[in-house]
Amino acid sequence: MDSFDTFEDILNFAIDKEIEASQFYVALAQKMKTPAMRQVFEAFAKEELGHKAKLEAIKRGQKVEPAQNVTDLRIADYVVDVEPGPEMSYQDALVLAMKNEKAAFRLYMDLAGQVENEDQKAIFLELAQEEAKHKLRFEIEYDETVLTEN
């Protein structure tokens, strides 16, 4: 993890990560074969841009709501890693998305651990829970579309 000098440095880092996440989902959407699958990932790209906007608002001094814990189905812990590719299946795309959201959750938990100010810590804990919600949605989709088929 990078070393940060100020809270603003941390926010800028997190903003960059949200931009990367949005681009990840846009690229994933472009690899999908059906419009419905593309729409799923395009929606997540927009949500990541929403996180970026939230971080930018925090930089301007706005407050965030306290985080609520999200259930973890832990499906991402038990699926094999996959590499993105042009012929990737929906199942593989879901696995990639789950793993990506799990990494984003850990990032925000780590960032929360790097600040001492309770308000700043709350910001990162709230964003970690947002990422946990995303992971949960992908895990539910995986459970309903992949695990029930097998």
C-alpha atoms as a PDB file:
ATOM      1  CA  MET A   1       0.000   0.000   0.000  1.00  0.00           C
ATOM      2  CA  ASP A   2       1.182   3.479  -0.784  1.00  0.00           C
ATOM      3  CA  SER A   3       2.346   5.865   1.914  1.00  0.00           C
ATOM      4  CA  PHE A   4       0.309   9.035   2.297  1.00  0.00           C
ATOM      5  CA  ASP A   5       1.229  12.385   3.803  1.00  0.00           C
ATOM      6  CA  THR A   6      -2.252  13.869   4.114  1.00  0.00           C
ATOM      7  CA  PHE A   7      -5.890  12.874   4.187  1.00  0.00           C
ATOM      8  CA  GLU A   8      -6.263  14.583   0.814  1.00  0.00           C
ATOM      9  CA  ASP A   9      -3.551  12.269  -0.592  1.00  0.00           C
ATOM     10  CA  ILE A  10      -5.587   9.296   0.604  1.00  0.00           C
ATOM     11  CA  LEU A  11      -8.755  10.704  -0.974  1.00  0.00           C
ATOM     12  CA  ASN A  12      -6.944  11.315  -4.273  1.00  0.00           C
ATOM     13  CA  PHE A  13      -5.654   7.738  -4.224  1.00  0.00           C
ATOM     14  CA  ALA A  14      -9.159   6.416  -3.536  1.00  0.00           C
ATOM     15  CA  ILE A  15     -10.609   8.574  -6.328  1.00  0.00           C
ATOM     16  CA  ASP A  16      -8.074   7.111  -8.752  1.00  0.00           C
ATOM     17  CA  LYS A  17      -9.050   3.595  -7.636  1.00  0.00           C
ATOM     18  CA  GLU A  18     -12.740   4.340  -8.245  1.00  0.00           C
ATOM     19  CA  ILE A  19     -11.928   5.586 -11.750  1.00  0.00           C
ATOM     20  CA  GLU A  20      -9.980   2.360 -12.375  1.00  0.00           C
ATOM     21  CA  ALA A  21     -12.915   0.315 -11.057  1.00  0.00           C
ATOM     22  CA  SER A  22     -15.330   2.116 -13.368  1.00  0.00           C
ATOM     23  CA  GLN A  23     -13.043   1.498 -16.329  1.00  0.00           C
ATOM     24  CA  PHE A  24     -12.767  -2.172 -15.289  1.00  0.00           C
ATOM     25  CA  TYR A  25     -16.546  -2.586 -15.445  1.00  0.00           C
ATOM     26  CA  VAL A  26     -16.823  -0.719 -18.746  1.00  0.00           C
ATOM     27  CA  ALA A  27     -14.210  -3.069 -20.229  1.00  0.00           C
ATOM     28  CA  LEU A  28     -15.990  -6.088 -18.741  1.00  0.00           C
ATOM     29  CA  ALA A  29     -19.304  -4.892 -20.184  1.00  0.00           C
ATOM     30  CA  GLN A  30     -17.762  -4.672 -23.642  1.00  0.00           C
ATOM     31  CA  LYS A  31     -16.742  -8.337 -23.422  1.00  0.00           C
ATOM     32  CA  MET A  32     -20.276  -9.553 -22.686  1.00  0.00           C
ATOM     33  CA  LYS A  33     -22.249 -11.253 -25.426  1.00  0.00           C
ATOM     34  CA  THR A  34     -25.757 -10.170 -24.498  1.00  0.00           C
ATOM     35  CA  PRO A  35     -27.220  -6.734 -23.786  1.00  0.00           C
ATOM     36  CA  ALA A  36     -28.497  -7.854 -20.364  1.00  0.00           C
ATOM     37  CA  MET A  37     -25.034  -8.905 -19.263  1.00  0.00           C
ATOM     38  CA  ARG A  38     -23.541  -5.673 -20.607  1.00  0.00           C
ATOM     39  CA  GLN A  39     -26.096  -3.641 -18.669  1.00  0.00           C
ATOM     40  CA  VAL A  40     -25.159  -5.332 -15.388  1.00  0.00           C
ATOM     41  CA  PHE A  41     -21.547  -4.248 -15.685  1.00  0.00           C
ATOM     42  CA  GLU A  42     -22.351  -0.821 -17.111  1.00  0.00           C
ATOM     43  CA  ALA A  43     -24.513  -0.200 -14.042  1.00  0.00           C
ATOM     44  CA  PHE A  44     -21.597  -1.074 -11.788  1.00  0.00           C
ATOM     45  CA  ALA A  45     -19.331   1.261 -13.757  1.00  0.00           C
ATOM     46  CA  LYS A  46     -21.784   4.057 -12.953  1.00  0.00           C
ATOM     47  CA  GLU A  47     -21.888   3.092  -9.281  1.00  0.00           C
ATOM     48  CA  GLU A  48     -18.108   3.303  -9.074  1.00  0.00           C
ATOM     49  CA  LEU A  49     -18.321   6.801 -10.560  1.00  0.00           C
ATOM     50  CA  GLY A  50     -20.846   7.523  -7.814  1.00  0.00           C
ATOM     51  CA  HIS A  51     -18.208   6.536  -5.262  1.00  0.00           C
ATOM     52  CA  LYS A  52     -15.769   8.872  -7.013  1.00  0.00           C
ATOM     53  CA  ALA A  53     -18.317  11.680  -6.716  1.00  0.00           C
ATOM     54  CA  LYS A  54     -18.809  10.875  -3.024  1.00  0.00           C
ATOM     55  CA  LEU A  55     -15.045  11.061  -2.423  1.00  0.00           C
ATOM     56  CA  GLU A  56     -14.879  14.371  -4.277  1.00  0.00           C
ATOM     57  CA  ALA A  57     -17.728  15.679  -2.117  1.00  0.00           C
ATOM     58  CA  ILE A  58     -15.823  14.616   0.977  1.00  0.00           C
ATOM     59  CA  LYS A  59     -12.833  16.599  -0.297  1.00  0.00           C
ATOM     60  CA  ARG A  60     -15.172  19.603  -0.413  1.00  0.00           C
ATOM     61  CA  GLY A  61     -16.104  19.025   3.233  1.00  0.00           C
ATOM     62  CA  GLN A  62     -19.383  17.106   2.994  1.00  0.00           C
ATOM     63  CA  LYS A  63     -20.134  14.379   5.542  1.00  0.00           C
ATOM     64  CA  VAL A  64     -21.139  10.772   4.856  1.00  0.00           C
ATOM     65  CA  GLU A  65     -23.737   8.589   6.529  1.00  0.00           C
ATOM     66  CA  PRO A  66     -22.493   5.943   8.973  1.00  0.00           C
ATOM     67  CA  ALA A  67     -21.855   2.508   7.497  1.00  0.00           C
ATOM     68  CA  GLN A  68     -24.086  -0.504   7.996  1.00  0.00           C
ATOM     69  CA  ASN A  69     -22.508  -3.936   7.890  1.00  0.00           C
ATOM     70  CA  VAL A  70     -23.291  -6.066   4.860  1.00  0.00           C
ATOM     71  CA  THR A  71     -23.682  -9.839   4.801  1.00  0.00           C
ATOM     72  CA  ASP A  72     -20.829 -11.723   3.162  1.00  0.00           C
ATOM     73  CA  LEU A  73     -21.767 -14.952   1.368  1.00  0.00           C
ATOM     74  CA  ARG A  74     -18.029 -15.663   0.961  1.00  0.00           C
ATOM     75  CA  ILE A  75     -18.548 -17.191  -2.485  1.00  0.00           C
ATOM     76  CA  ALA A  76     -15.596 -15.176  -3.786  1.00  0.00           C
ATOM     77  CA  ASP A  77     -13.402 -17.004  -1.272  1.00  0.00           C
ATOM     78  CA  TYR A  78     -14.124 -20.357  -2.902  1.00  0.00           C
ATOM     79  CA  VAL A  79     -14.035 -19.701  -6.624  1.00  0.00           C
ATOM     80  CA  VAL A  80     -10.948 -20.056  -8.773  1.00  0.00           C
ATOM     81  CA  ASP A  81      -9.304 -16.886 -10.060  1.00  0.00           C
ATOM     82  CA  VAL A  82      -9.915 -16.143 -13.729  1.00  0.00           C
ATOM     83  CA  GLU A  83      -8.208 -13.895 -16.245  1.00  0.00           C
ATOM     84  CA  PRO A  84     -10.209 -11.406 -18.308  1.00  0.00           C
ATOM     85  CA  GLY A  85     -10.460 -12.251 -21.977  1.00  0.00           C
ATOM     86  CA  PRO A  86     -12.531 -11.498 -25.060  1.00  0.00           C
ATOM     87  CA  GLU A  87     -14.431 -14.814 -24.890  1.00  0.00           C
ATOM     88  CA  MET A  88     -15.032 -14.747 -21.144  1.00  0.00           C
ATOM     89  CA  SER A  89     -18.224 -16.378 -19.905  1.00  0.00           C
ATOM     90  CA  TYR A  90     -20.748 -14.630 -17.682  1.00  0.00           C
ATOM     91  CA  GLN A  91     -19.647 -16.934 -14.858  1.00  0.00           C
ATOM     92  CA  ASP A  92     -16.018 -15.833 -15.278  1.00  0.00           C
ATOM     93  CA  ALA A  93     -17.068 -12.182 -15.426  1.00  0.00           C
ATOM     94  CA  LEU A  94     -18.974 -12.582 -12.162  1.00  0.00           C
ATOM     95  CA  VAL A  95     -15.947 -14.211 -10.533  1.00  0.00           C
ATOM     96  CA  LEU A  96     -13.740 -11.346 -11.684  1.00  0.00           C
ATOM     97  CA  ALA A  97     -16.240  -8.813 -10.391  1.00  0.00           C
ATOM     98  CA  MET A  98     -16.547 -10.539  -6.994  1.00  0.00           C
ATOM     99  CA  LYS A  99     -12.774 -10.631  -6.594  1.00  0.00           C
ATOM    100  CA  ASN A 100     -12.507  -6.986  -7.676  1.00  0.00           C
ATOM    101  CA  GLU A 101     -15.080  -5.878  -5.115  1.00  0.00           C
ATOM    102  CA  LYS A 102     -13.409  -7.943  -2.407  1.00  0.00           C
ATOM    103  CA  ALA A 103     -10.114  -6.161  -3.174  1.00  0.00           C
ATOM    104  CA  ALA A 104     -11.869  -2.781  -3.087  1.00  0.00           C
ATOM    105  CA  PHE A 105     -13.385  -3.656   0.301  1.00  0.00           C
ATOM    106  CA  ARG A 106      -9.955  -4.535   1.670  1.00  0.00           C
ATOM    107  CA  LEU A 107      -8.485  -1.339   0.238  1.00  0.00           C
ATOM    108  CA  TYR A 108     -10.989   0.829   2.078  1.00  0.00           C
ATOM    109  CA  MET A 109     -10.535  -1.146   5.288  1.00  0.00           C
ATOM    110  CA  ASP A 110      -6.771  -0.604   4.980  1.00  0.00           C
ATOM    111  CA  LEU A 111      -7.283   3.110   4.310  1.00  0.00           C
ATOM    112  CA  ALA A 112      -9.519   3.326   7.394  1.00  0.00           C
ATOM    113  CA  GLY A 113      -6.639   1.867   9.368  1.00  0.00           C
ATOM    114  CA  GLN A 114      -4.282   4.593   8.160  1.00  0.00           C
ATOM    115  CA  VAL A 115      -6.219   7.509   9.629  1.00  0.00           C
ATOM    116  CA  GLU A 116      -6.749   8.360  13.274  1.00  0.00           C
ATOM    117  CA  ASN A 117      -9.527  10.923  12.885  1.00  0.00           C
ATOM    118  CA  GLU A 118     -12.828   9.143  13.592  1.00  0.00           C
ATOM    119  CA  ASP A 119     -14.762  11.088  10.932  1.00  0.00           C
ATOM    120  CA  GLN A 120     -12.167  10.196   8.301  1.00  0.00           C
ATOM    121  CA  LYS A 121     -12.157   6.563   9.439  1.00  0.00           C
ATOM    122  CA  ALA A 122     -15.961   6.514   9.133  1.00  0.00           C
ATOM    123  CA  ILE A 123     -15.693   7.663   5.518  1.00  0.00           C
ATOM    124  CA  PHE A 124     -13.539   4.711   4.543  1.00  0.00           C
ATOM    125  CA  LEU A 125     -15.587   2.232   6.563  1.00  0.00           C
ATOM    126  CA  GLU A 126     -18.717   3.461   4.774  1.00  0.00           C
ATOM    127  CA  LEU A 127     -17.029   3.063   1.387  1.00  0.00           C
ATOM    128  CA  ALA A 128     -15.838  -0.423   2.388  1.00  0.00           C
ATOM    129  CA  GLN A 129     -19.449  -1.357   3.073  1.00  0.00           C
ATOM    130  CA  GLU A 130     -20.482   0.040  -0.325  1.00  0.00           C
ATOM    131  CA  GLU A 131     -17.958  -2.299  -1.938  1.00  0.00           C
ATOM    132  CA  ALA A 132     -19.225  -5.151   0.234  1.00  0.00           C
ATOM    133  CA  LYS A 133     -22.745  -4.461  -1.110  1.00  0.00           C
ATOM    134  CA  HIS A 134     -21.425  -4.727  -4.656  1.00  0.00           C
ATOM    135  CA  LYS A 135     -19.685  -8.000  -3.864  1.00  0.00           C
ATOM    136  CA  LEU A 136     -22.857  -9.340  -2.258  1.00  0.00           C
ATOM    137  CA  ARG A 137     -24.891  -8.482  -5.367  1.00  0.00           C
ATOM    138  CA  PHE A 138     -22.389 -10.331  -7.553  1.00  0.00           C
ATOM    139  CA  GLU A 139     -22.387 -13.289  -5.151  1.00  0.00           C
ATOM    140  CA  ILE A 140     -26.192 -13.453  -5.211  1.00  0.00           C
ATOM    141  CA  GLU A 141     -26.174 -13.297  -9.009  1.00  0.00           C
ATOM    142  CA  TYR A 142     -23.530 -16.051  -9.083  1.00  0.00           C
ATOM    143  CA  ASP A 143     -25.561 -18.152  -6.664  1.00  0.00           C
ATOM    144  CA  GLU A 144     -28.763 -17.698  -8.665  1.00  0.00           C
ATOM    145  CA  THR A 145     -27.328 -18.121 -12.172  1.00  0.00           C
ATOM    146  CA  VAL A 146     -24.291 -20.381 -11.796  1.00  0.00           C
ATOM    147  CA  LEU A 147     -24.647 -22.468  -8.674  1.00  0.00           C
ATOM    148  CA  THR A 148     -28.306 -23.311  -9.341  1.00  0.00           C
ATOM    149  CA  GLU A 149     -27.419 -24.470 -12.874  1.00  0.00           C
ATOM    150  CA  ASN A 150     -24.756 -26.896 -11.634  1.00  0.00           C
END
